[in-house]
């Protein structure tokens, strides 16, 4: 059997936060109350998701969200500062990382 020359890489970006930014981001997000109340609770859940996706063979990119630049990114890209905006940003970042590594066509 001939192997496909068009193998695709399944990748996903996960919104990721620095501990120093977590409370500020939580207050900034329109839906911040839906996030875990503490950084450690969020980090535990996010790391479990990260590990599960990797076990499934998915390339996972941690997309760090900067509270100083994220609202402007959302505005420029037609997103609210919410889960949809976070996920869109994370997936754009995943695509950027894959392109830079040569795993995704430009």
PDB file of N, CA and C in Angstrom:
ATOM      1  N   UNK A   1       0.841  -1.177   0.000  1.00  0.00           N
ATOM      2  CA  UNK A   1       0.000   0.000   0.000  1.00  0.00           C
ATOM      3  C   UNK A   1       0.887   1.243   0.000  1.00  0.00           C
ATOM      4  N   UNK A   2       0.557   2.180  -0.856  1.00  0.00           N
ATOM      5  CA  UNK A   2       1.339   3.411  -0.959  1.00  0.00           C
ATOM      6  C   UNK A   2       0.943   4.375   0.154  1.00  0.00           C
ATOM      7  N   UNK A   3       1.940   4.959   0.777  1.00  0.00           N
ATOM      8  CA  UNK A   3       1.665   5.939   1.827  1.00  0.00           C
ATOM      9  C   UNK A   3       1.261   7.265   1.204  1.00  0.00           C
ATOM     10  N   UNK A   4       0.325   7.918   1.840  1.00  0.00           N
ATOM     11  CA  UNK A   4      -0.129   9.221   1.358  1.00  0.00           C
ATOM     12  C   UNK A   4       0.981  10.249   1.499  1.00  0.00           C
ATOM     13  N   UNK A   5       1.130  11.062   0.464  1.00  0.00           N
ATOM     14  CA  UNK A   5       2.117  12.134   0.526  1.00  0.00           C
ATOM     15  C   UNK A   5       1.529  13.388   1.164  1.00  0.00           C
ATOM     16  N   UNK A   6       0.228  13.368   1.422  1.00  0.00           N
ATOM     17  CA  UNK A   6      -0.450  14.529   1.994  1.00  0.00           C
ATOM     18  C   UNK A   6      -0.867  14.268   3.437  1.00  0.00           C
ATOM     19  N   UNK A   7       0.040  13.763   4.219  1.00  0.00           N
ATOM     20  CA  UNK A   7      -0.271  13.534   5.622  1.00  0.00           C
ATOM     21  C   UNK A   7      -0.461  14.878   6.314  1.00  0.00           C
ATOM     22  N   UNK A   8      -1.505  14.967   7.092  1.00  0.00           N
ATOM     23  CA  UNK A   8      -1.738  16.226   7.798  1.00  0.00           C
ATOM     24  C   UNK A   8      -1.434  16.040   9.273  1.00  0.00           C
ATOM     25  N   UNK A   9      -1.050  17.118   9.872  1.00  0.00           N
ATOM     26  CA  UNK A   9      -0.753  17.124  11.293  1.00  0.00           C
ATOM     27  C   UNK A   9      -1.971  17.676  12.008  1.00  0.00           C
ATOM     28  N   UNK A  10      -2.468  16.928  12.971  1.00  0.00           N
ATOM     29  CA  UNK A  10      -3.576  17.441  13.769  1.00  0.00           C
ATOM     30  C   UNK A  10      -2.972  18.238  14.914  1.00  0.00           C
ATOM     31  N   UNK A  11      -3.354  19.497  14.977  1.00  0.00           N
ATOM     32  CA  UNK A  11      -2.785  20.374  16.000  1.00  0.00           C
ATOM     33  C   UNK A  11      -3.877  21.234  16.600  1.00  0.00           C
ATOM     34  N   UNK A  12      -3.641  21.629  17.820  1.00  0.00           N
ATOM     35  CA  UNK A  12      -4.572  22.515  18.512  1.00  0.00           C
ATOM     36  C   UNK A  12      -3.771  23.450  19.406  1.00  0.00           C
ATOM     37  N   UNK A  13      -4.269  24.640  19.518  1.00  0.00           N
ATOM     38  CA  UNK A  13      -3.685  25.584  20.467  1.00  0.00           C
ATOM     39  C   UNK A  13      -4.527  25.601  21.724  1.00  0.00           C
ATOM     40  N   UNK A  14      -3.873  25.646  22.855  1.00  0.00           N
ATOM     41  CA  UNK A  14      -4.578  25.759  24.134  1.00  0.00           C
ATOM     42  C   UNK A  14      -4.231  27.113  24.737  1.00  0.00           C
ATOM     43  N   UNK A  15      -5.261  27.904  25.083  1.00  0.00           N
ATOM     44  CA  UNK A  15      -4.967  29.165  25.774  1.00  0.00           C
ATOM     45  C   UNK A  15      -4.195  28.862  27.057  1.00  0.00           C
ATOM     46  N   UNK A  16      -3.093  29.564  27.257  1.00  0.00           N
ATOM     47  CA  UNK A  16      -2.229  29.294  28.410  1.00  0.00           C
ATOM     48  C   UNK A  16      -1.934  30.606  29.122  1.00  0.00           C
ATOM     49  N   UNK A  17      -1.821  30.523  30.430  1.00  0.00           N
ATOM     50  CA  UNK A  17      -1.652  31.734  31.236  1.00  0.00           C
ATOM     51  C   UNK A  17      -0.443  31.606  32.145  1.00  0.00           C
ATOM     52  N   UNK A  18       0.199  32.723  32.387  1.00  0.00           N
ATOM     53  CA  UNK A  18       1.258  32.784  33.388  1.00  0.00           C
ATOM     54  C   UNK A  18       0.600  33.076  34.731  1.00  0.00           C
ATOM     55  N   UNK A  19       1.174  32.504  35.774  1.00  0.00           N
ATOM     56  CA  UNK A  19       0.588  32.688  37.105  1.00  0.00           C
ATOM     57  C   UNK A  19       0.457  34.168  37.454  1.00  0.00           C
ATOM     58  N   UNK A  20       1.464  34.953  37.108  1.00  0.00           N
ATOM     59  CA  UNK A  20       1.450  36.381  37.441  1.00  0.00           C
ATOM     60  C   UNK A  20       0.320  37.130  36.737  1.00  0.00           C
ATOM     61  N   UNK A  21      -0.181  36.588  35.621  1.00  0.00           N
ATOM     62  CA  UNK A  21      -1.234  37.251  34.849  1.00  0.00           C
ATOM     63  C   UNK A  21      -2.629  36.705  35.115  1.00  0.00           C
ATOM     64  N   UNK A  22      -2.737  35.579  35.804  1.00  0.00           N
ATOM     65  CA  UNK A  22      -3.998  34.849  35.866  1.00  0.00           C
ATOM     66  C   UNK A  22      -5.157  35.685  36.406  1.00  0.00           C
ATOM     67  N   UNK A  23      -5.011  36.288  37.559  1.00  0.00           N
ATOM     68  CA  UNK A  23      -6.129  37.042  38.142  1.00  0.00           C
ATOM     69  C   UNK A  23      -6.491  38.249  37.284  1.00  0.00           C
ATOM     70  N   UNK A  24      -5.495  38.881  36.713  1.00  0.00           N
ATOM     71  CA  UNK A  24      -5.760  40.018  35.826  1.00  0.00           C
ATOM     72  C   UNK A  24      -6.524  39.567  34.578  1.00  0.00           C
ATOM     73  N   UNK A  25      -6.116  38.454  33.998  1.00  0.00           N
ATOM     74  CA  UNK A  25      -6.811  37.930  32.829  1.00  0.00           C
ATOM     75  C   UNK A  25      -8.231  37.506  33.183  1.00  0.00           C
ATOM     76  N   UNK A  26      -8.376  36.854  34.307  1.00  0.00           N
ATOM     77  CA  UNK A  26      -9.703  36.405  34.742  1.00  0.00           C
ATOM     78  C   UNK A  26     -10.654  37.592  34.853  1.00  0.00           C
ATOM     79  N   UNK A  27     -10.157  38.713  35.363  1.00  0.00           N
ATOM     80  CA  UNK A  27     -10.976  39.925  35.474  1.00  0.00           C
ATOM     81  C   UNK A  27     -11.208  40.571  34.106  1.00  0.00           C
ATOM     82  N   UNK A  28     -10.267  40.427  33.206  1.00  0.00           N
ATOM     83  CA  UNK A  28     -10.341  41.032  31.876  1.00  0.00           C
ATOM     84  C   UNK A  28     -11.332  40.308  30.965  1.00  0.00           C
ATOM     85  N   UNK A  29     -11.379  38.982  31.061  1.00  0.00           N
ATOM     86  CA  UNK A  29     -12.235  38.186  30.189  1.00  0.00           C
ATOM     87  C   UNK A  29     -13.705  38.441  30.510  1.00  0.00           C
ATOM     88  N   UNK A  30     -14.517  38.615  29.473  1.00  0.00           N
ATOM     89  CA  UNK A  30     -15.955  38.814  29.644  1.00  0.00           C
ATOM     90  C   UNK A  30     -16.554  37.653  30.437  1.00  0.00           C
ATOM     91  N   UNK A  31     -16.056  36.456  30.195  1.00  0.00           N
ATOM     92  CA  UNK A  31     -16.545  35.244  30.854  1.00  0.00           C
ATOM     93  C   UNK A  31     -15.546  34.712  31.883  1.00  0.00           C
ATOM     94  N   UNK A  32     -14.770  35.599  32.464  1.00  0.00           N
ATOM     95  CA  UNK A  32     -13.725  35.187  33.401  1.00  0.00           C
ATOM     96  C   UNK A  32     -14.219  34.360  34.569  1.00  0.00           C
ATOM     97  N   UNK A  33     -15.472  34.570  34.963  1.00  0.00           N
ATOM     98  CA  UNK A  33     -16.031  33.810  36.086  1.00  0.00           C
ATOM     99  C   UNK A  33     -16.159  32.327  35.754  1.00  0.00           C
ATOM    100  N   UNK A  34     -16.073  31.975  34.478  1.00  0.00           N
ATOM    101  CA  UNK A  34     -16.153  30.567  34.081  1.00  0.00           C
ATOM    102  C   UNK A  34     -14.821  29.843  34.237  1.00  0.00           C
ATOM    103  N   UNK A  35     -13.732  30.596  34.370  1.00  0.00           N
ATOM    104  CA  UNK A  35     -12.427  29.973  34.602  1.00  0.00           C
ATOM    105  C   UNK A  35     -12.350  29.477  36.037  1.00  0.00           C
ATOM    106  N   UNK A  36     -11.439  28.570  36.282  1.00  0.00           N
ATOM    107  CA  UNK A  36     -11.207  28.125  37.653  1.00  0.00           C
ATOM    108  C   UNK A  36     -10.869  29.337  38.519  1.00  0.00           C
ATOM    109  N   UNK A  37     -11.241  29.300  39.786  1.00  0.00           N
ATOM    110  CA  UNK A  37     -11.002  30.470  40.640  1.00  0.00           C
ATOM    111  C   UNK A  37      -9.535  30.722  40.970  1.00  0.00           C
ATOM    112  N   UNK A  38      -8.699  29.691  40.902  1.00  0.00           N
ATOM    113  CA  UNK A  38      -7.284  29.891  41.216  1.00  0.00           C
ATOM    114  C   UNK A  38      -6.412  29.395  40.063  1.00  0.00           C
ATOM    115  N   UNK A  39      -5.221  29.946  39.995  1.00  0.00           N
ATOM    116  CA  UNK A  39      -4.270  29.538  38.967  1.00  0.00           C
ATOM    117  C   UNK A  39      -3.957  28.049  39.077  1.00  0.00           C
ATOM    118  N   UNK A  40      -3.732  27.554  40.287  1.00  0.00           N
ATOM    119  CA  UNK A  40      -3.358  26.143  40.447  1.00  0.00           C
ATOM    120  C   UNK A  40      -4.469  25.212  39.991  1.00  0.00           C
ATOM    121  N   UNK A  41      -5.727  25.561  40.267  1.00  0.00           N
ATOM    122  CA  UNK A  41      -6.839  24.734  39.795  1.00  0.00           C
ATOM    123  C   UNK A  41      -6.899  24.753  38.268  1.00  0.00           C
ATOM    124  N   UNK A  42      -6.749  25.942  37.695  1.00  0.00           N
ATOM    125  CA  UNK A  42      -6.752  26.041  36.236  1.00  0.00           C
ATOM    126  C   UNK A  42      -5.589  25.237  35.650  1.00  0.00           C
ATOM    127  N   UNK A  43      -4.396  25.404  36.214  1.00  0.00           N
ATOM    128  CA  UNK A  43      -3.201  24.744  35.685  1.00  0.00           C
ATOM    129  C   UNK A  43      -3.348  23.227  35.727  1.00  0.00           C
ATOM    130  N   UNK A  44      -3.879  22.686  36.817  1.00  0.00           N
ATOM    131  CA  UNK A  44      -4.079  21.235  36.904  1.00  0.00           C
ATOM    132  C   UNK A  44      -4.993  20.744  35.782  1.00  0.00           C
ATOM    133  N   UNK A  45      -6.112  21.440  35.574  1.00  0.00           N
ATOM    134  CA  UNK A  45      -7.057  21.040  34.526  1.00  0.00           C
ATOM    135  C   UNK A  45      -6.434  21.194  33.139  1.00  0.00           C
ATOM    136  N   UNK A  46      -5.725  22.284  32.915  1.00  0.00           N
ATOM    137  CA  UNK A  46      -5.106  22.530  31.609  1.00  0.00           C
ATOM    138  C   UNK A  46      -4.025  21.495  31.313  1.00  0.00           C
ATOM    139  N   UNK A  47      -3.247  21.127  32.307  1.00  0.00           N
ATOM    140  CA  UNK A  47      -2.203  20.120  32.095  1.00  0.00           C
ATOM    141  C   UNK A  47      -2.800  18.752  31.815  1.00  0.00           C
ATOM    142  N   UNK A  48      -3.929  18.429  32.449  1.00  0.00           N
ATOM    143  CA  UNK A  48      -4.601  17.160  32.153  1.00  0.00           C
ATOM    144  C   UNK A  48      -5.079  17.136  30.704  1.00  0.00           C
ATOM    145  N   UNK A  49      -5.674  18.245  30.244  1.00  0.00           N
ATOM    146  CA  UNK A  49      -6.112  18.341  28.853  1.00  0.00           C
ATOM    147  C   UNK A  49      -4.914  18.215  27.911  1.00  0.00           C
ATOM    148  N   UNK A  50      -3.850  18.911  28.217  1.00  0.00           N
ATOM    149  CA  UNK A  50      -2.627  18.879  27.408  1.00  0.00           C
ATOM    150  C   UNK A  50      -2.121  17.442  27.263  1.00  0.00           C
ATOM    151  N   UNK A  51      -2.023  16.724  28.372  1.00  0.00           N
ATOM    152  CA  UNK A  51      -1.532  15.337  28.348  1.00  0.00           C
ATOM    153  C   UNK A  51      -2.469  14.426  27.560  1.00  0.00           C
ATOM    154  N   UNK A  52      -3.788  14.605  27.746  1.00  0.00           N
ATOM    155  CA  UNK A  52      -4.759  13.764  27.045  1.00  0.00           C
ATOM    156  C   UNK A  52      -4.645  13.958  25.529  1.00  0.00           C
ATOM    157  N   UNK A  53      -4.534  15.197  25.091  1.00  0.00           N
ATOM    158  CA  UNK A  53      -4.418  15.465  23.656  1.00  0.00           C
ATOM    159  C   UNK A  53      -3.130  14.886  23.078  1.00  0.00           C
ATOM    160  N   UNK A  54      -2.038  15.007  23.804  1.00  0.00           N
ATOM    161  CA  UNK A  54      -0.765  14.444  23.340  1.00  0.00           C
ATOM    162  C   UNK A  54      -0.869  12.923  23.219  1.00  0.00           C
ATOM    163  N   UNK A  55      -1.514  12.275  24.191  1.00  0.00           N
ATOM    164  CA  UNK A  55      -1.704  10.818  24.119  1.00  0.00           C
ATOM    165  C   UNK A  55      -2.512  10.428  22.881  1.00  0.00           C
ATOM    166  N   UNK A  56      -3.385  11.323  22.429  1.00  0.00           N
ATOM    167  CA  UNK A  56      -4.208  11.059  21.246  1.00  0.00           C
ATOM    168  C   UNK A  56      -3.457  11.362  19.945  1.00  0.00           C
ATOM    169  N   UNK A  57      -2.221  11.808  20.074  1.00  0.00           N
ATOM    170  CA  UNK A  57      -1.410  12.075  18.894  1.00  0.00           C
ATOM    171  C   UNK A  57      -1.547  13.478  18.328  1.00  0.00           C
ATOM    172  N   UNK A  58      -2.141  14.361  19.094  1.00  0.00           N
ATOM    173  CA  UNK A  58      -2.338  15.738  18.647  1.00  0.00           C
ATOM    174  C   UNK A  58      -1.112  16.567  19.023  1.00  0.00           C
ATOM    175  N   UNK A  59      -0.690  17.428  18.108  1.00  0.00           N
ATOM    176  CA  UNK A  59       0.360  18.392  18.421  1.00  0.00           C
ATOM    177  C   UNK A  59      -0.315  19.522  19.191  1.00  0.00           C
ATOM    178  N   UNK A  60       0.189  19.808  20.376  1.00  0.00           N
ATOM    179  CA  UNK A  60      -0.426  20.816  21.236  1.00  0.00           C
ATOM    180  C   UNK A  60       0.525  21.995  21.399  1.00  0.00           C
ATOM    181  N   UNK A  61      -0.008  23.182  21.178  1.00  0.00           N
ATOM    182  CA  UNK A  61       0.760  24.412  21.348  1.00  0.00           C
ATOM    183  C   UNK A  61       0.149  25.192  22.500  1.00  0.00           C
ATOM    184  N   UNK A  62       0.975  25.517  23.476  1.00  0.00           N
ATOM    185  CA  UNK A  62       0.533  26.381  24.574  1.00  0.00           C
ATOM    186  C   UNK A  62       0.609  27.823  24.079  1.00  0.00           C
ATOM    187  N   UNK A  63      -0.540  28.457  23.974  1.00  0.00           N
ATOM    188  CA  UNK A  63      -0.610  29.828  23.457  1.00  0.00           C
ATOM    189  C   UNK A  63      -0.776  30.785  24.635  1.00  0.00           C
ATOM    190  N   UNK A  64       0.332  31.384  25.029  1.00  0.00           N
ATOM    191  CA  UNK A  64       0.312  32.290  26.178  1.00  0.00           C
ATOM    192  C   UNK A  64      -0.436  33.569  25.833  1.00  0.00           C
ATOM    193  N   UNK A  65      -1.385  33.921  26.675  1.00  0.00           N
ATOM    194  CA  UNK A  65      -2.185  35.127  26.468  1.00  0.00           C
ATOM    195  C   UNK A  65      -1.630  36.241  27.340  1.00  0.00           C
ATOM    196  N   UNK A  66      -1.321  37.348  26.695  1.00  0.00           N
ATOM    197  CA  UNK A  66      -0.758  38.523  27.360  1.00  0.00           C
ATOM    198  C   UNK A  66      -1.896  39.507  27.634  1.00  0.00           C
ATOM    199  N   UNK A  67      -2.123  39.852  28.894  1.00  0.00           N
ATOM    200  CA  UNK A  67      -3.229  40.763  29.204  1.00  0.00           C
ATOM    201  C   UNK A  67      -3.061  42.150  28.593  1.00  0.00           C
ATOM    202  N   UNK A  68      -1.848  42.525  28.237  1.00  0.00           N
ATOM    203  CA  UNK A  68      -1.609  43.842  27.646  1.00  0.00           C
ATOM    204  C   UNK A  68      -1.937  43.886  26.154  1.00  0.00           C
ATOM    205  N   UNK A  69      -1.854  42.760  25.473  1.00  0.00           N
ATOM    206  CA  UNK A  69      -2.050  42.764  24.023  1.00  0.00           C
ATOM    207  C   UNK A  69      -3.289  42.000  23.556  1.00  0.00           C
ATOM    208  N   UNK A  70      -3.814  41.120  24.388  1.00  0.00           N
ATOM    209  CA  UNK A  70      -4.933  40.273  23.963  1.00  0.00           C
ATOM    210  C   UNK A  70      -6.193  41.061  23.593  1.00  0.00           C
ATOM    211  N   UNK A  71      -6.615  42.059  24.359  1.00  0.00           N
ATOM    212  CA  UNK A  71      -7.824  42.797  23.951  1.00  0.00           C
ATOM    213  C   UNK A  71      -7.689  43.430  22.565  1.00  0.00           C
ATOM    214  N   UNK A  72      -6.529  43.970  22.253  1.00  0.00           N
ATOM    215  CA  UNK A  72      -6.315  44.573  20.931  1.00  0.00           C
ATOM    216  C   UNK A  72      -6.331  43.502  19.848  1.00  0.00           C
ATOM    217  N   UNK A  73      -5.753  42.327  20.123  1.00  0.00           N
ATOM    218  CA  UNK A  73      -5.783  41.233  19.159  1.00  0.00           C
ATOM    219  C   UNK A  73      -7.232  40.839  18.878  1.00  0.00           C
ATOM    220  N   UNK A  74      -8.031  40.717  19.934  1.00  0.00           N
ATOM    221  CA  UNK A  74      -9.443  40.355  19.760  1.00  0.00           C
ATOM    222  C   UNK A  74     -10.168  41.389  18.907  1.00  0.00           C
ATOM    223  N   UNK A  75      -9.968  42.663  19.210  1.00  0.00           N
ATOM    224  CA  UNK A  75     -10.629  43.732  18.453  1.00  0.00           C
ATOM    225  C   UNK A  75     -10.214  43.700  16.983  1.00  0.00           C
ATOM    226  N   UNK A  76      -8.941  43.506  16.730  1.00  0.00           N
ATOM    227  CA  UNK A  76      -8.429  43.498  15.355  1.00  0.00           C
ATOM    228  C   UNK A  76      -8.905  42.286  14.560  1.00  0.00           C
ATOM    229  N   UNK A  77      -9.262  41.215  15.271  1.00  0.00           N
ATOM    230  CA  UNK A  77      -9.641  39.974  14.603  1.00  0.00           C
ATOM    231  C   UNK A  77     -11.119  39.633  14.750  1.00  0.00           C
ATOM    232  N   UNK A  78     -11.909  40.586  15.238  1.00  0.00           N
ATOM    233  CA  UNK A  78     -13.358  40.400  15.309  1.00  0.00           C
ATOM    234  C   UNK A  78     -13.843  39.450  16.382  1.00  0.00           C
ATOM    235  N   UNK A  79     -13.134  39.389  17.489  1.00  0.00           N
ATOM    236  CA  UNK A  79     -13.527  38.500  18.584  1.00  0.00           C
ATOM    237  C   UNK A  79     -13.789  39.291  19.851  1.00  0.00           C
ATOM    238  N   UNK A  80     -14.672  38.751  20.673  1.00  0.00           N
ATOM    239  CA  UNK A  80     -14.839  39.291  22.012  1.00  0.00           C
ATOM    240  C   UNK A  80     -13.703  38.762  22.877  1.00  0.00           C
ATOM    241  N   UNK A  81     -13.509  39.389  24.010  1.00  0.00           N
ATOM    242  CA  UNK A  81     -12.465  38.959  24.952  1.00  0.00           C
ATOM    243  C   UNK A  81     -13.083  37.866  25.829  1.00  0.00           C
ATOM    244  N   UNK A  82     -13.294  36.696  25.214  1.00  0.00           N
ATOM    245  CA  UNK A  82     -13.974  35.588  25.879  1.00  0.00           C
ATOM    246  C   UNK A  82     -13.389  34.260  25.390  1.00  0.00           C
ATOM    247  N   UNK A  83     -14.079  33.162  25.716  1.00  0.00           N
ATOM    248  CA  UNK A  83     -13.573  31.833  25.351  1.00  0.00           C
ATOM    249  C   UNK A  83     -13.376  31.694  23.844  1.00  0.00           C
ATOM    250  N   UNK A  84     -14.299  32.220  23.056  1.00  0.00           N
ATOM    251  CA  UNK A  84     -14.140  32.133  21.601  1.00  0.00           C
ATOM    252  C   UNK A  84     -12.897  32.886  21.148  1.00  0.00           C
ATOM    253  N   UNK A  85     -12.673  34.058  21.711  1.00  0.00           N
ATOM    254  CA  UNK A  85     -11.471  34.822  21.385  1.00  0.00           C
ATOM    255  C   UNK A  85     -10.207  34.101  21.818  1.00  0.00           C
ATOM    256  N   UNK A  86     -10.232  33.537  23.027  1.00  0.00           N
ATOM    257  CA  UNK A  86      -9.061  32.793  23.523  1.00  0.00           C
ATOM    258  C   UNK A  86      -8.746  31.606  22.626  1.00  0.00           C
ATOM    259  N   UNK A  87      -9.786  30.860  22.249  1.00  0.00           N
ATOM    260  CA  UNK A  87      -9.561  29.683  21.406  1.00  0.00           C
ATOM    261  C   UNK A  87      -9.098  30.073  20.009  1.00  0.00           C
ATOM    262  N   UNK A  88      -9.658  31.141  19.461  1.00  0.00           N
ATOM    263  CA  UNK A  88      -9.212  31.608  18.145  1.00  0.00           C
ATOM    264  C   UNK A  88      -7.743  32.013  18.200  1.00  0.00           C
ATOM    265  N   UNK A  89      -7.376  32.766  19.221  1.00  0.00           N
ATOM    266  CA  UNK A  89      -5.983  33.181  19.380  1.00  0.00           C
ATOM    267  C   UNK A  89      -5.071  31.959  19.492  1.00  0.00           C
ATOM    268  N   UNK A  90      -5.478  30.992  20.309  1.00  0.00           N
ATOM    269  CA  UNK A  90      -4.651  29.802  20.525  1.00  0.00           C
ATOM    270  C   UNK A  90      -4.466  29.021  19.229  1.00  0.00           C
ATOM    271  N   UNK A  91      -5.507  28.913  18.430  1.00  0.00           N
ATOM    272  CA  UNK A  91      -5.387  28.162  17.183  1.00  0.00           C
ATOM    273  C   UNK A  91      -4.575  28.915  16.136  1.00  0.00           C
ATOM    274  N   UNK A  92      -4.669  30.232  16.108  1.00  0.00           N
ATOM    275  CA  UNK A  92      -3.810  31.024  15.224  1.00  0.00           C
ATOM    276  C   UNK A  92      -2.347  30.837  15.631  1.00  0.00           C
ATOM    277  N   UNK A  93      -2.099  30.840  16.922  1.00  0.00           N
ATOM    278  CA  UNK A  93      -0.735  30.640  17.417  1.00  0.00           C
ATOM    279  C   UNK A  93      -0.229  29.239  17.065  1.00  0.00           C
ATOM    280  N   UNK A  94      -1.093  28.226  17.182  1.00  0.00           N
ATOM    281  CA  UNK A  94      -0.696  26.861  16.822  1.00  0.00           C
ATOM    282  C   UNK A  94      -0.322  26.794  15.344  1.00  0.00           C
ATOM    283  N   UNK A  95      -1.114  27.420  14.491  1.00  0.00           N
ATOM    284  CA  UNK A  95      -0.806  27.428  13.056  1.00  0.00           C
ATOM    285  C   UNK A  95       0.518  28.136  12.791  1.00  0.00           C
ATOM    286  N   UNK A  96       0.759  29.241  13.485  1.00  0.00           N
ATOM    287  CA  UNK A  96       2.017  29.978  13.312  1.00  0.00           C
ATOM    288  C   UNK A  96       3.209  29.106  13.694  1.00  0.00           C
ATOM    289  N   UNK A  97       3.100  28.414  14.815  1.00  0.00           N
ATOM    290  CA  UNK A  97       4.190  27.557  15.288  1.00  0.00           C
ATOM    291  C   UNK A  97       4.432  26.414  14.301  1.00  0.00           C
ATOM    292  N   UNK A  98       3.363  25.815  13.797  1.00  0.00           N
ATOM    293  CA  UNK A  98       3.528  24.713  12.840  1.00  0.00           C
ATOM    294  C   UNK A  98       4.147  25.195  11.535  1.00  0.00           C
ATOM    295  N   UNK A  99       3.723  26.360  11.060  1.00  0.00           N
ATOM    296  CA  UNK A  99       4.332  26.906   9.840  1.00  0.00           C
ATOM    297  C   UNK A  99       5.819  27.154  10.050  1.00  0.00           C
ATOM    298  N   UNK A 100       6.153  27.736  11.189  1.00  0.00           N
ATOM    299  CA  UNK A 100       7.557  28.052  11.485  1.00  0.00           C
ATOM    300  C   UNK A 100       8.405  26.789  11.574  1.00  0.00           C
ATOM    301  N   UNK A 101       7.790  25.687  12.006  1.00  0.00           N
ATOM    302  CA  UNK A 101       8.541  24.436  12.142  1.00  0.00           C
ATOM    303  C   UNK A 101       8.527  23.608  10.860  1.00  0.00           C
ATOM    304  N   UNK A 102       7.804  24.091   9.844  1.00  0.00           N
ATOM    305  CA  UNK A 102       7.734  23.366   8.582  1.00  0.00           C
ATOM    306  C   UNK A 102       6.733  22.235   8.569  1.00  0.00           C
ATOM    307  N   UNK A 103       5.892  22.128   9.589  1.00  0.00           N
ATOM    308  CA  UNK A 103       4.911  21.047   9.659  1.00  0.00           C
ATOM    309  C   UNK A 103       3.586  21.408   9.000  1.00  0.00           C
ATOM    310  N   UNK A 104       3.468  22.661   8.544  1.00  0.00           N
ATOM    311  CA  UNK A 104       2.219  23.111   7.936  1.00  0.00           C
ATOM    312  C   UNK A 104       2.563  23.983   6.741  1.00  0.00           C
ATOM    313  N   UNK A 105       1.854  23.778   5.623  1.00  0.00           N
ATOM    314  CA  UNK A 105       2.147  24.615   4.459  1.00  0.00           C
ATOM    315  C   UNK A 105       1.823  26.076   4.726  1.00  0.00           C
ATOM    316  N   UNK A 106       2.554  26.961   4.066  1.00  0.00           N
ATOM    317  CA  UNK A 106       2.318  28.397   4.241  1.00  0.00           C
ATOM    318  C   UNK A 106       1.197  28.886   3.367  1.00  0.00           C
TER     319      UNK A 106
END
